[in-house]
Amino acid sequence: MMKKGRSDGFTLVELLITVGIMIILTAIGLGNFNFSRIKGKDAKRKADLTQLARAIETFNEDFGFYPESDVDGNILGCNPSGDISTFNICPWGTALEGYPRGGTEKQTYIAEISEDPNSTRRYFYESDQVSFSLYAALENDLDPHYQSDLTPDCNSGGSSIKCNYRLTNIGVEEP
């Protein structure tokens, strides 16, 4: 005669509950990981612009003015010939360098003008030679420095991505 009783295995209901709990915990973990990645990229954006702002301040000390910008948000600060009336675009990802006040020794202000960590976004520079603003598009809209009312476009192709973070020669602009 066979004995009725409980076997040593798990029931289907127990397995489904366990798998469900594991799926929920995984989803929570991935959500936190993704948010941490976004915050990390935004921290890099802020650090990149702070480093570039320091280089632009040094440029100002040497030349007596901030590099101009073009309508596309590029820095017109590379001075290959030493003629301070001629400045070329310094492409993002290259050095900001030139010959201060027509000198003969090339000065490198920053070895690489950093690019946005996301290939669909870019940084934007604006200057009238008296002041400057650097812009980025943060991904975390809960960031305390997030500004929804800025006008420059920080996309690097495709649909429009408005800049929402601004660093000026005075410092970070508060929303």
N, C-alpha and C. Protein backbone atom coordinates (compact mmCIF):
# COMPACT_ATOMS: atom_id res chain seq x y z
N MET A 1 0.82 -1.16 0.00
CA MET A 1 0.00 0.00 0.00
C MET A 1 0.89 1.25 0.00
N MET A 2 0.46 2.27 -0.78
CA MET A 2 1.24 3.50 -0.86
C MET A 2 0.85 4.44 0.25
N LYS A 3 1.86 5.07 0.75
CA LYS A 3 1.63 6.05 1.81
C LYS A 3 1.35 7.40 1.20
N LYS A 4 0.35 8.02 1.73
CA LYS A 4 0.09 9.39 1.31
C LYS A 4 0.85 10.30 2.25
N GLY A 5 1.43 11.30 1.69
CA GLY A 5 2.16 12.26 2.52
C GLY A 5 2.90 13.26 1.64
N ARG A 6 3.58 14.06 2.28
CA ARG A 6 4.29 15.14 1.60
C ARG A 6 5.62 14.63 1.07
N SER A 7 5.93 15.01 -0.18
CA SER A 7 7.23 14.63 -0.74
C SER A 7 8.27 15.66 -0.33
N ASP A 8 9.51 15.38 -0.64
CA ASP A 8 10.60 16.27 -0.25
C ASP A 8 10.79 17.45 -1.21
N GLY A 9 10.11 17.51 -2.34
CA GLY A 9 10.25 18.59 -3.31
C GLY A 9 9.38 19.79 -3.00
N PHE A 10 9.48 20.79 -3.87
CA PHE A 10 8.68 22.00 -3.73
C PHE A 10 7.42 21.88 -4.58
N THR A 11 6.39 22.52 -4.15
CA THR A 11 5.17 22.53 -4.94
C THR A 11 5.29 23.60 -6.02
N LEU A 12 4.45 23.50 -7.02
CA LEU A 12 4.45 24.47 -8.11
C LEU A 12 4.17 25.88 -7.58
N VAL A 13 3.28 26.02 -6.64
CA VAL A 13 2.95 27.33 -6.06
C VAL A 13 4.17 27.91 -5.36
N GLU A 14 4.90 27.11 -4.61
CA GLU A 14 6.10 27.59 -3.91
C GLU A 14 7.16 28.05 -4.91
N LEU A 15 7.34 27.31 -5.98
CA LEU A 15 8.31 27.70 -6.99
C LEU A 15 7.91 29.00 -7.69
N LEU A 16 6.63 29.14 -8.01
CA LEU A 16 6.16 30.36 -8.66
C LEU A 16 6.33 31.58 -7.75
N ILE A 17 6.05 31.42 -6.48
CA ILE A 17 6.23 32.53 -5.53
C ILE A 17 7.70 32.91 -5.44
N THR A 18 8.58 31.93 -5.37
CA THR A 18 10.02 32.19 -5.28
C THR A 18 10.52 32.91 -6.53
N VAL A 19 10.13 32.41 -7.70
CA VAL A 19 10.54 33.05 -8.95
C VAL A 19 9.98 34.47 -9.03
N GLY A 20 8.75 34.67 -8.61
CA GLY A 20 8.15 36.01 -8.61
C GLY A 20 8.92 36.98 -7.73
N ILE A 21 9.31 36.53 -6.55
CA ILE A 21 10.09 37.38 -5.64
C ILE A 21 11.44 37.71 -6.26
N MET A 22 12.07 36.74 -6.90
CA MET A 22 13.38 36.98 -7.54
C MET A 22 13.24 38.00 -8.67
N ILE A 23 12.17 37.91 -9.44
CA ILE A 23 11.95 38.86 -10.53
C ILE A 23 11.76 40.27 -9.98
N ILE A 24 10.99 40.41 -8.93
CA ILE A 24 10.76 41.72 -8.32
C ILE A 24 12.06 42.31 -7.79
N LEU A 25 12.86 41.51 -7.09
CA LEU A 25 14.13 42.00 -6.55
C LEU A 25 15.09 42.39 -7.67
N THR A 26 15.11 41.62 -8.75
CA THR A 26 15.96 41.95 -9.89
C THR A 26 15.53 43.27 -10.52
N ALA A 27 14.23 43.46 -10.69
CA ALA A 27 13.73 44.71 -11.27
C ALA A 27 14.11 45.91 -10.42
N ILE A 28 14.00 45.77 -9.12
CA ILE A 28 14.38 46.86 -8.21
C ILE A 28 15.87 47.15 -8.33
N GLY A 29 16.68 46.10 -8.36
CA GLY A 29 18.13 46.27 -8.47
C GLY A 29 18.53 46.92 -9.77
N LEU A 30 17.91 46.51 -10.88
CA LEU A 30 18.24 47.11 -12.18
C LEU A 30 17.80 48.57 -12.24
N GLY A 31 16.67 48.88 -11.64
CA GLY A 31 16.22 50.28 -11.61
C GLY A 31 17.20 51.16 -10.86
N ASN A 32 17.67 50.69 -9.72
CA ASN A 32 18.65 51.46 -8.95
C ASN A 32 19.96 51.57 -9.70
N PHE A 33 20.36 50.50 -10.38
CA PHE A 33 21.61 50.52 -11.14
C PHE A 33 21.52 51.54 -12.27
N ASN A 34 20.40 51.56 -12.99
CA ASN A 34 20.22 52.50 -14.10
C ASN A 34 20.23 53.94 -13.59
N PHE A 35 19.57 54.21 -12.47
CA PHE A 35 19.56 55.56 -11.90
C PHE A 35 20.98 55.96 -11.49
N SER A 36 21.75 55.02 -10.95
CA SER A 36 23.14 55.31 -10.57
C SER A 36 23.98 55.63 -11.80
N ARG A 37 23.75 54.92 -12.90
CA ARG A 37 24.47 55.21 -14.14
C ARG A 37 24.15 56.62 -14.64
N ILE A 38 22.88 56.99 -14.59
CA ILE A 38 22.47 58.32 -15.03
C ILE A 38 23.13 59.39 -14.17
N LYS A 39 23.11 59.20 -12.85
CA LYS A 39 23.74 60.18 -11.95
C LYS A 39 25.24 60.24 -12.20
N GLY A 40 25.86 59.11 -12.51
CA GLY A 40 27.29 59.08 -12.80
C GLY A 40 27.62 59.86 -14.07
N LYS A 41 26.81 59.69 -15.12
CA LYS A 41 27.05 60.44 -16.35
C LYS A 41 26.84 61.94 -16.13
N ASP A 42 25.84 62.30 -15.34
CA ASP A 42 25.61 63.72 -15.05
C ASP A 42 26.77 64.30 -14.24
N ALA A 43 27.32 63.53 -13.30
CA ALA A 43 28.47 63.99 -12.53
C ALA A 43 29.67 64.21 -13.45
N LYS A 44 29.85 63.32 -14.43
CA LYS A 44 30.94 63.49 -15.40
C LYS A 44 30.72 64.75 -16.23
N ARG A 45 29.49 64.99 -16.64
CA ARG A 45 29.19 66.21 -17.42
C ARG A 45 29.57 67.46 -16.63
N LYS A 46 29.18 67.49 -15.37
CA LYS A 46 29.49 68.66 -14.53
C LYS A 46 31.00 68.81 -14.35
N ALA A 47 31.69 67.70 -14.13
CA ALA A 47 33.15 67.74 -13.95
C ALA A 47 33.83 68.19 -15.24
N ASP A 48 33.37 67.69 -16.39
CA ASP A 48 33.94 68.10 -17.68
C ASP A 48 33.82 69.61 -17.88
N LEU A 49 32.63 70.14 -17.61
CA LEU A 49 32.42 71.58 -17.83
C LEU A 49 33.20 72.42 -16.82
N THR A 50 33.33 71.93 -15.59
CA THR A 50 34.13 72.65 -14.59
C THR A 50 35.59 72.71 -15.01
N GLN A 51 36.11 71.59 -15.50
CA GLN A 51 37.50 71.55 -15.97
C GLN A 51 37.69 72.48 -17.17
N LEU A 52 36.75 72.46 -18.09
CA LEU A 52 36.83 73.33 -19.26
C LEU A 52 36.72 74.80 -18.85
N ALA A 53 35.87 75.11 -17.88
CA ALA A 53 35.73 76.49 -17.41
C ALA A 53 37.05 76.99 -16.83
N ARG A 54 37.76 76.13 -16.11
CA ARG A 54 39.08 76.53 -15.57
C ARG A 54 40.05 76.85 -16.70
N ALA A 55 40.03 76.01 -17.74
CA ALA A 55 40.92 76.25 -18.89
C ALA A 55 40.56 77.56 -19.58
N ILE A 56 39.28 77.84 -19.71
CA ILE A 56 38.83 79.08 -20.35
C ILE A 56 39.22 80.29 -19.50
N GLU A 57 39.18 80.15 -18.19
CA GLU A 57 39.62 81.24 -17.30
C GLU A 57 41.12 81.50 -17.49
N THR A 58 41.91 80.44 -17.63
CA THR A 58 43.35 80.61 -17.87
C THR A 58 43.59 81.29 -19.22
N PHE A 59 42.83 80.90 -20.22
CA PHE A 59 42.88 81.56 -21.53
C PHE A 59 42.62 83.05 -21.36
N ASN A 60 41.60 83.40 -20.59
CA ASN A 60 41.25 84.80 -20.34
C ASN A 60 42.40 85.55 -19.67
N GLU A 61 43.07 84.90 -18.73
CA GLU A 61 44.21 85.54 -18.06
C GLU A 61 45.33 85.84 -19.05
N ASP A 62 45.55 84.93 -20.02
CA ASP A 62 46.63 85.12 -20.99
C ASP A 62 46.27 86.11 -22.10
N PHE A 63 45.04 86.09 -22.56
CA PHE A 63 44.65 86.91 -23.71
C PHE A 63 43.90 88.18 -23.33
N GLY A 64 43.31 88.22 -22.14
CA GLY A 64 42.54 89.39 -21.72
C GLY A 64 41.08 89.33 -22.15
N PHE A 65 40.65 88.22 -22.69
CA PHE A 65 39.24 88.03 -23.08
C PHE A 65 38.97 86.53 -23.15
N TYR A 66 37.69 86.19 -23.10
CA TYR A 66 37.29 84.78 -23.25
C TYR A 66 37.20 84.44 -24.73
N PRO A 67 37.46 83.18 -25.09
CA PRO A 67 37.31 82.83 -26.51
C PRO A 67 35.87 83.03 -26.97
N GLU A 68 35.72 83.48 -28.20
CA GLU A 68 34.38 83.65 -28.77
C GLU A 68 33.75 82.28 -29.04
N SER A 69 32.45 82.32 -29.35
CA SER A 69 31.75 81.11 -29.76
C SER A 69 31.15 81.33 -31.14
N ASP A 70 30.84 80.23 -31.81
CA ASP A 70 30.07 80.36 -33.05
C ASP A 70 28.62 79.98 -32.77
N VAL A 71 27.76 80.07 -33.77
CA VAL A 71 26.34 79.80 -33.56
C VAL A 71 26.06 78.33 -33.24
N ASP A 72 27.01 77.45 -33.53
CA ASP A 72 26.83 76.02 -33.25
C ASP A 72 27.35 75.62 -31.88
N GLY A 73 27.78 76.59 -31.07
CA GLY A 73 28.24 76.29 -29.73
C GLY A 73 29.67 75.80 -29.64
N ASN A 74 30.47 76.10 -30.66
CA ASN A 74 31.88 75.72 -30.65
C ASN A 74 32.73 76.84 -30.07
N ILE A 75 33.89 76.46 -29.58
CA ILE A 75 34.84 77.42 -29.01
C ILE A 75 35.76 77.91 -30.12
N LEU A 76 35.81 79.22 -30.33
CA LEU A 76 36.73 79.82 -31.29
C LEU A 76 37.93 80.33 -30.51
N GLY A 77 38.79 79.39 -30.11
CA GLY A 77 39.90 79.77 -29.24
C GLY A 77 41.23 79.18 -29.63
N CYS A 78 41.28 78.39 -30.68
CA CYS A 78 42.56 77.82 -31.10
C CYS A 78 43.27 78.82 -31.99
N ASN A 79 44.51 79.07 -31.66
CA ASN A 79 45.28 80.14 -32.26
C ASN A 79 46.56 79.51 -32.81
N PRO A 80 46.51 78.91 -34.00
CA PRO A 80 47.67 78.18 -34.49
C PRO A 80 48.83 79.04 -34.95
N SER A 81 48.58 80.30 -35.29
CA SER A 81 49.64 81.12 -35.88
C SER A 81 50.26 82.12 -34.92
N GLY A 82 49.63 82.37 -33.80
CA GLY A 82 50.12 83.39 -32.89
C GLY A 82 49.49 84.75 -33.14
N ASP A 83 48.74 84.88 -34.21
CA ASP A 83 48.04 86.13 -34.53
C ASP A 83 46.76 86.18 -33.70
N ILE A 84 46.68 87.10 -32.72
CA ILE A 84 45.52 87.09 -31.83
C ILE A 84 44.26 87.64 -32.48
N SER A 85 44.36 88.03 -33.74
CA SER A 85 43.14 88.43 -34.45
C SER A 85 42.51 87.25 -35.18
N THR A 86 43.20 86.10 -35.17
CA THR A 86 42.69 84.91 -35.86
C THR A 86 42.58 83.74 -34.90
N PHE A 87 41.35 83.30 -34.69
CA PHE A 87 41.11 82.13 -33.85
C PHE A 87 40.24 81.15 -34.62
N ASN A 88 40.61 79.91 -34.55
CA ASN A 88 39.87 78.85 -35.23
C ASN A 88 38.99 78.10 -34.24
N ILE A 89 38.08 77.30 -34.79
CA ILE A 89 37.27 76.41 -33.95
C ILE A 89 38.19 75.38 -33.31
N CYS A 90 38.01 75.17 -32.03
CA CYS A 90 38.66 74.07 -31.32
C CYS A 90 37.62 72.95 -31.24
N PRO A 91 37.70 71.95 -32.09
CA PRO A 91 36.67 70.91 -32.07
C PRO A 91 36.62 70.19 -30.72
N TRP A 92 35.41 69.82 -30.32
CA TRP A 92 35.24 69.03 -29.10
C TRP A 92 36.03 67.74 -29.27
N GLY A 93 36.74 67.34 -28.24
CA GLY A 93 37.58 66.15 -28.30
C GLY A 93 39.03 66.46 -28.64
N THR A 94 39.34 67.74 -28.92
CA THR A 94 40.72 68.14 -29.21
C THR A 94 41.19 69.12 -28.14
N ALA A 95 42.40 69.59 -28.29
CA ALA A 95 42.99 70.50 -27.30
C ALA A 95 42.55 71.95 -27.54
N LEU A 96 42.53 72.71 -26.45
CA LEU A 96 42.37 74.17 -26.52
C LEU A 96 43.77 74.72 -26.29
N GLU A 97 44.37 75.25 -27.36
CA GLU A 97 45.74 75.73 -27.25
C GLU A 97 45.97 76.89 -28.20
N GLY A 98 46.99 77.66 -27.89
CA GLY A 98 47.31 78.80 -28.73
C GLY A 98 48.54 79.52 -28.23
N TYR A 99 48.85 80.61 -28.89
CA TYR A 99 50.01 81.43 -28.55
C TYR A 99 49.51 82.70 -27.88
N PRO A 100 49.65 82.80 -26.55
CA PRO A 100 49.14 83.97 -25.83
C PRO A 100 49.77 85.27 -26.31
N ARG A 101 48.92 86.24 -26.58
CA ARG A 101 49.33 87.60 -26.97
C ARG A 101 50.45 87.61 -28.01
N GLY A 102 50.34 86.70 -28.98
CA GLY A 102 51.30 86.67 -30.07
C GLY A 102 52.65 86.11 -29.68
N GLY A 103 52.75 85.43 -28.55
CA GLY A 103 54.02 84.87 -28.11
C GLY A 103 54.50 83.75 -29.03
N THR A 104 55.67 83.24 -28.74
CA THR A 104 56.25 82.19 -29.57
C THR A 104 56.13 80.81 -28.94
N GLU A 105 55.67 80.74 -27.72
CA GLU A 105 55.53 79.45 -27.04
C GLU A 105 54.05 79.07 -26.95
N LYS A 106 53.74 77.90 -27.53
CA LYS A 106 52.35 77.44 -27.53
C LYS A 106 51.94 77.05 -26.12
N GLN A 107 50.75 77.49 -25.74
CA GLN A 107 50.17 77.17 -24.43
C GLN A 107 49.00 76.22 -24.63
N THR A 108 49.00 75.11 -23.89
CA THR A 108 47.86 74.20 -23.92
C THR A 108 47.02 74.48 -22.68
N TYR A 109 45.79 74.89 -22.89
CA TYR A 109 44.90 75.22 -21.78
C TYR A 109 44.16 73.99 -21.27
N ILE A 110 43.85 73.09 -22.16
CA ILE A 110 43.27 71.80 -21.79
C ILE A 110 43.65 70.83 -22.91
N ALA A 111 44.15 69.66 -22.53
CA ALA A 111 44.64 68.70 -23.52
C ALA A 111 43.52 68.13 -24.38
N GLU A 112 42.33 68.02 -23.81
CA GLU A 112 41.19 67.53 -24.58
C GLU A 112 39.92 68.20 -24.08
N ILE A 113 39.23 68.87 -24.98
CA ILE A 113 37.93 69.46 -24.65
C ILE A 113 36.94 68.29 -24.65
N SER A 114 36.53 67.88 -23.48
CA SER A 114 35.72 66.67 -23.34
C SER A 114 34.43 66.74 -24.13
N GLU A 115 33.98 65.57 -24.54
CA GLU A 115 32.70 65.44 -25.22
C GLU A 115 31.70 64.78 -24.28
N ASP A 116 30.43 65.00 -24.51
CA ASP A 116 29.38 64.40 -23.68
C ASP A 116 29.52 62.88 -23.71
N PRO A 117 29.33 62.22 -22.55
CA PRO A 117 29.45 60.75 -22.51
C PRO A 117 28.39 60.02 -23.34
N ASN A 118 27.33 60.70 -23.72
CA ASN A 118 26.29 60.09 -24.55
C ASN A 118 26.45 60.64 -25.97
N SER A 119 26.60 59.75 -26.94
CA SER A 119 26.90 60.19 -28.31
C SER A 119 25.76 60.99 -28.96
N THR A 120 24.56 60.95 -28.40
CA THR A 120 23.46 61.73 -28.98
C THR A 120 23.37 63.13 -28.39
N ARG A 121 24.25 63.44 -27.45
CA ARG A 121 24.25 64.75 -26.81
C ARG A 121 25.61 65.41 -27.00
N ARG A 122 25.63 66.71 -26.80
CA ARG A 122 26.90 67.44 -26.89
C ARG A 122 26.88 68.61 -25.92
N TYR A 123 28.05 69.14 -25.65
CA TYR A 123 28.15 70.34 -24.85
C TYR A 123 28.02 71.55 -25.78
N PHE A 124 27.67 72.68 -25.20
CA PHE A 124 27.44 73.90 -25.99
C PHE A 124 28.16 75.04 -25.28
N TYR A 125 28.88 75.87 -26.04
CA TYR A 125 29.63 77.00 -25.50
C TYR A 125 29.07 78.29 -26.09
N GLU A 126 28.95 79.31 -25.25
CA GLU A 126 28.43 80.61 -25.68
C GLU A 126 29.28 81.69 -25.02
N SER A 127 29.77 82.65 -25.83
CA SER A 127 30.60 83.72 -25.27
C SER A 127 30.55 84.97 -26.14
N ASP A 128 30.62 86.10 -25.46
CA ASP A 128 30.74 87.40 -26.13
C ASP A 128 32.11 88.01 -25.85
N GLN A 129 33.05 87.22 -25.37
CA GLN A 129 34.42 87.57 -24.99
C GLN A 129 34.50 88.29 -23.65
N VAL A 130 33.38 88.72 -23.09
CA VAL A 130 33.36 89.36 -21.77
C VAL A 130 32.91 88.35 -20.72
N SER A 131 32.05 87.44 -21.11
CA SER A 131 31.57 86.38 -20.23
C SER A 131 31.35 85.13 -21.07
N PHE A 132 31.15 84.00 -20.40
CA PHE A 132 30.87 82.77 -21.14
C PHE A 132 29.89 81.91 -20.38
N SER A 133 29.26 81.01 -21.11
CA SER A 133 28.38 79.99 -20.54
C SER A 133 28.68 78.67 -21.21
N LEU A 134 28.73 77.62 -20.41
CA LEU A 134 28.86 76.25 -20.90
C LEU A 134 27.58 75.52 -20.56
N TYR A 135 27.08 74.74 -21.50
CA TYR A 135 25.80 74.06 -21.32
C TYR A 135 25.96 72.55 -21.52
N ALA A 136 25.10 71.81 -20.83
CA ALA A 136 24.99 70.36 -21.02
C ALA A 136 23.54 69.96 -20.84
N ALA A 137 23.23 68.76 -21.28
CA ALA A 137 21.88 68.20 -21.09
C ALA A 137 21.98 67.07 -20.07
N LEU A 138 21.56 67.36 -18.84
CA LEU A 138 21.55 66.34 -17.79
C LEU A 138 20.41 65.35 -18.06
N GLU A 139 20.61 64.12 -17.63
CA GLU A 139 19.58 63.10 -17.81
C GLU A 139 18.66 63.00 -16.59
N ASN A 140 19.15 63.41 -15.43
CA ASN A 140 18.37 63.33 -14.20
C ASN A 140 17.62 64.64 -13.99
N ASP A 141 16.32 64.63 -14.25
CA ASP A 141 15.55 65.87 -14.10
C ASP A 141 15.28 66.22 -12.65
N LEU A 142 15.75 65.39 -11.71
CA LEU A 142 15.63 65.71 -10.28
C LEU A 142 16.89 66.37 -9.74
N ASP A 143 17.90 66.54 -10.59
CA ASP A 143 19.14 67.17 -10.17
C ASP A 143 18.84 68.60 -9.71
N PRO A 144 19.47 69.05 -8.60
CA PRO A 144 19.17 70.40 -8.09
C PRO A 144 19.57 71.52 -9.04
N HIS A 145 20.46 71.26 -10.01
CA HIS A 145 20.87 72.29 -10.95
C HIS A 145 20.17 72.17 -12.30
N TYR A 146 19.20 71.30 -12.41
CA TYR A 146 18.44 71.10 -13.64
C TYR A 146 17.60 72.35 -13.92
N GLN A 147 17.71 72.88 -15.15
CA GLN A 147 16.94 74.07 -15.55
C GLN A 147 16.17 73.75 -16.83
N SER A 148 14.89 73.87 -16.78
CA SER A 148 14.09 73.52 -17.95
C SER A 148 13.89 74.69 -18.92
N ASP A 149 14.38 75.87 -18.57
CA ASP A 149 14.10 77.05 -19.39
C ASP A 149 15.28 77.52 -20.24
N LEU A 150 16.31 76.71 -20.41
CA LEU A 150 17.47 77.11 -21.22
C LEU A 150 17.17 76.87 -22.70
N THR A 151 17.76 77.70 -23.56
CA THR A 151 17.44 77.61 -24.99
C THR A 151 18.43 76.85 -25.86
N PRO A 152 19.74 76.78 -25.55
CA PRO A 152 20.63 76.07 -26.47
C PRO A 152 20.23 74.60 -26.64
N ASP A 153 20.54 74.09 -27.82
CA ASP A 153 20.23 72.71 -28.17
C ASP A 153 21.48 71.86 -27.98
N CYS A 154 21.39 70.85 -27.15
CA CYS A 154 22.54 69.99 -26.84
C CYS A 154 22.49 68.65 -27.57
N ASN A 155 21.77 68.58 -28.68
CA ASN A 155 21.76 67.32 -29.42
C ASN A 155 22.93 67.29 -30.38
N SER A 156 23.39 66.08 -30.69
CA SER A 156 24.49 65.96 -31.65
C SER A 156 23.98 65.31 -32.93
N GLY A 157 22.76 65.54 -33.24
CA GLY A 157 22.14 64.97 -34.43
C GLY A 157 20.83 64.32 -34.05
N GLY A 158 19.89 64.35 -34.95
CA GLY A 158 18.60 63.75 -34.64
C GLY A 158 17.67 64.75 -33.99
N SER A 159 16.83 64.25 -33.11
CA SER A 159 15.82 65.12 -32.49
C SER A 159 16.45 66.09 -31.50
N SER A 160 15.74 67.15 -31.20
CA SER A 160 16.22 68.21 -30.33
C SER A 160 16.32 67.74 -28.88
N ILE A 161 17.44 68.06 -28.24
CA ILE A 161 17.64 67.81 -26.81
C ILE A 161 18.06 69.14 -26.21
N LYS A 162 17.17 69.78 -25.49
CA LYS A 162 17.48 71.09 -24.91
C LYS A 162 18.49 70.95 -23.76
N CYS A 163 19.43 71.87 -23.73
CA CYS A 163 20.36 71.93 -22.61
C CYS A 163 19.57 72.29 -21.36
N ASN A 164 19.99 71.76 -20.22
CA ASN A 164 19.28 72.05 -18.97
C ASN A 164 20.23 72.28 -17.80
N TYR A 165 21.51 72.45 -18.10
CA TYR A 165 22.51 72.75 -17.07
C TYR A 165 23.41 73.83 -17.64
N ARG A 166 23.70 74.83 -16.82
CA ARG A 166 24.51 75.96 -17.28
C ARG A 166 25.58 76.30 -16.25
N LEU A 167 26.81 76.42 -16.74
CA LEU A 167 27.95 76.85 -15.93
C LEU A 167 28.48 78.12 -16.59
N THR A 168 28.60 79.20 -15.82
CA THR A 168 29.08 80.46 -16.37
C THR A 168 30.44 80.80 -15.79
N ASN A 169 31.02 81.91 -16.25
CA ASN A 169 32.29 82.35 -15.68
C ASN A 169 32.12 82.77 -14.23
N ILE A 170 30.90 82.93 -13.77
CA ILE A 170 30.63 83.25 -12.36
C ILE A 170 30.45 81.98 -11.54
N GLY A 171 29.98 80.91 -12.17
CA GLY A 171 29.75 79.64 -11.49
C GLY A 171 28.51 78.96 -12.02
N VAL A 172 28.04 77.97 -11.28
CA VAL A 172 26.85 77.23 -11.69
C VAL A 172 25.64 78.13 -11.49
N GLU A 173 24.83 78.21 -12.53
CA GLU A 173 23.61 79.01 -12.42
C GLU A 173 22.52 78.18 -11.76
N GLU A 174 21.96 78.71 -10.72
CA GLU A 174 20.89 78.00 -10.00
C GLU A 174 19.57 78.17 -10.73
N PRO A 175 18.72 77.12 -10.70
CA PRO A 175 17.42 77.23 -11.36
C PRO A 175 16.51 78.24 -10.69
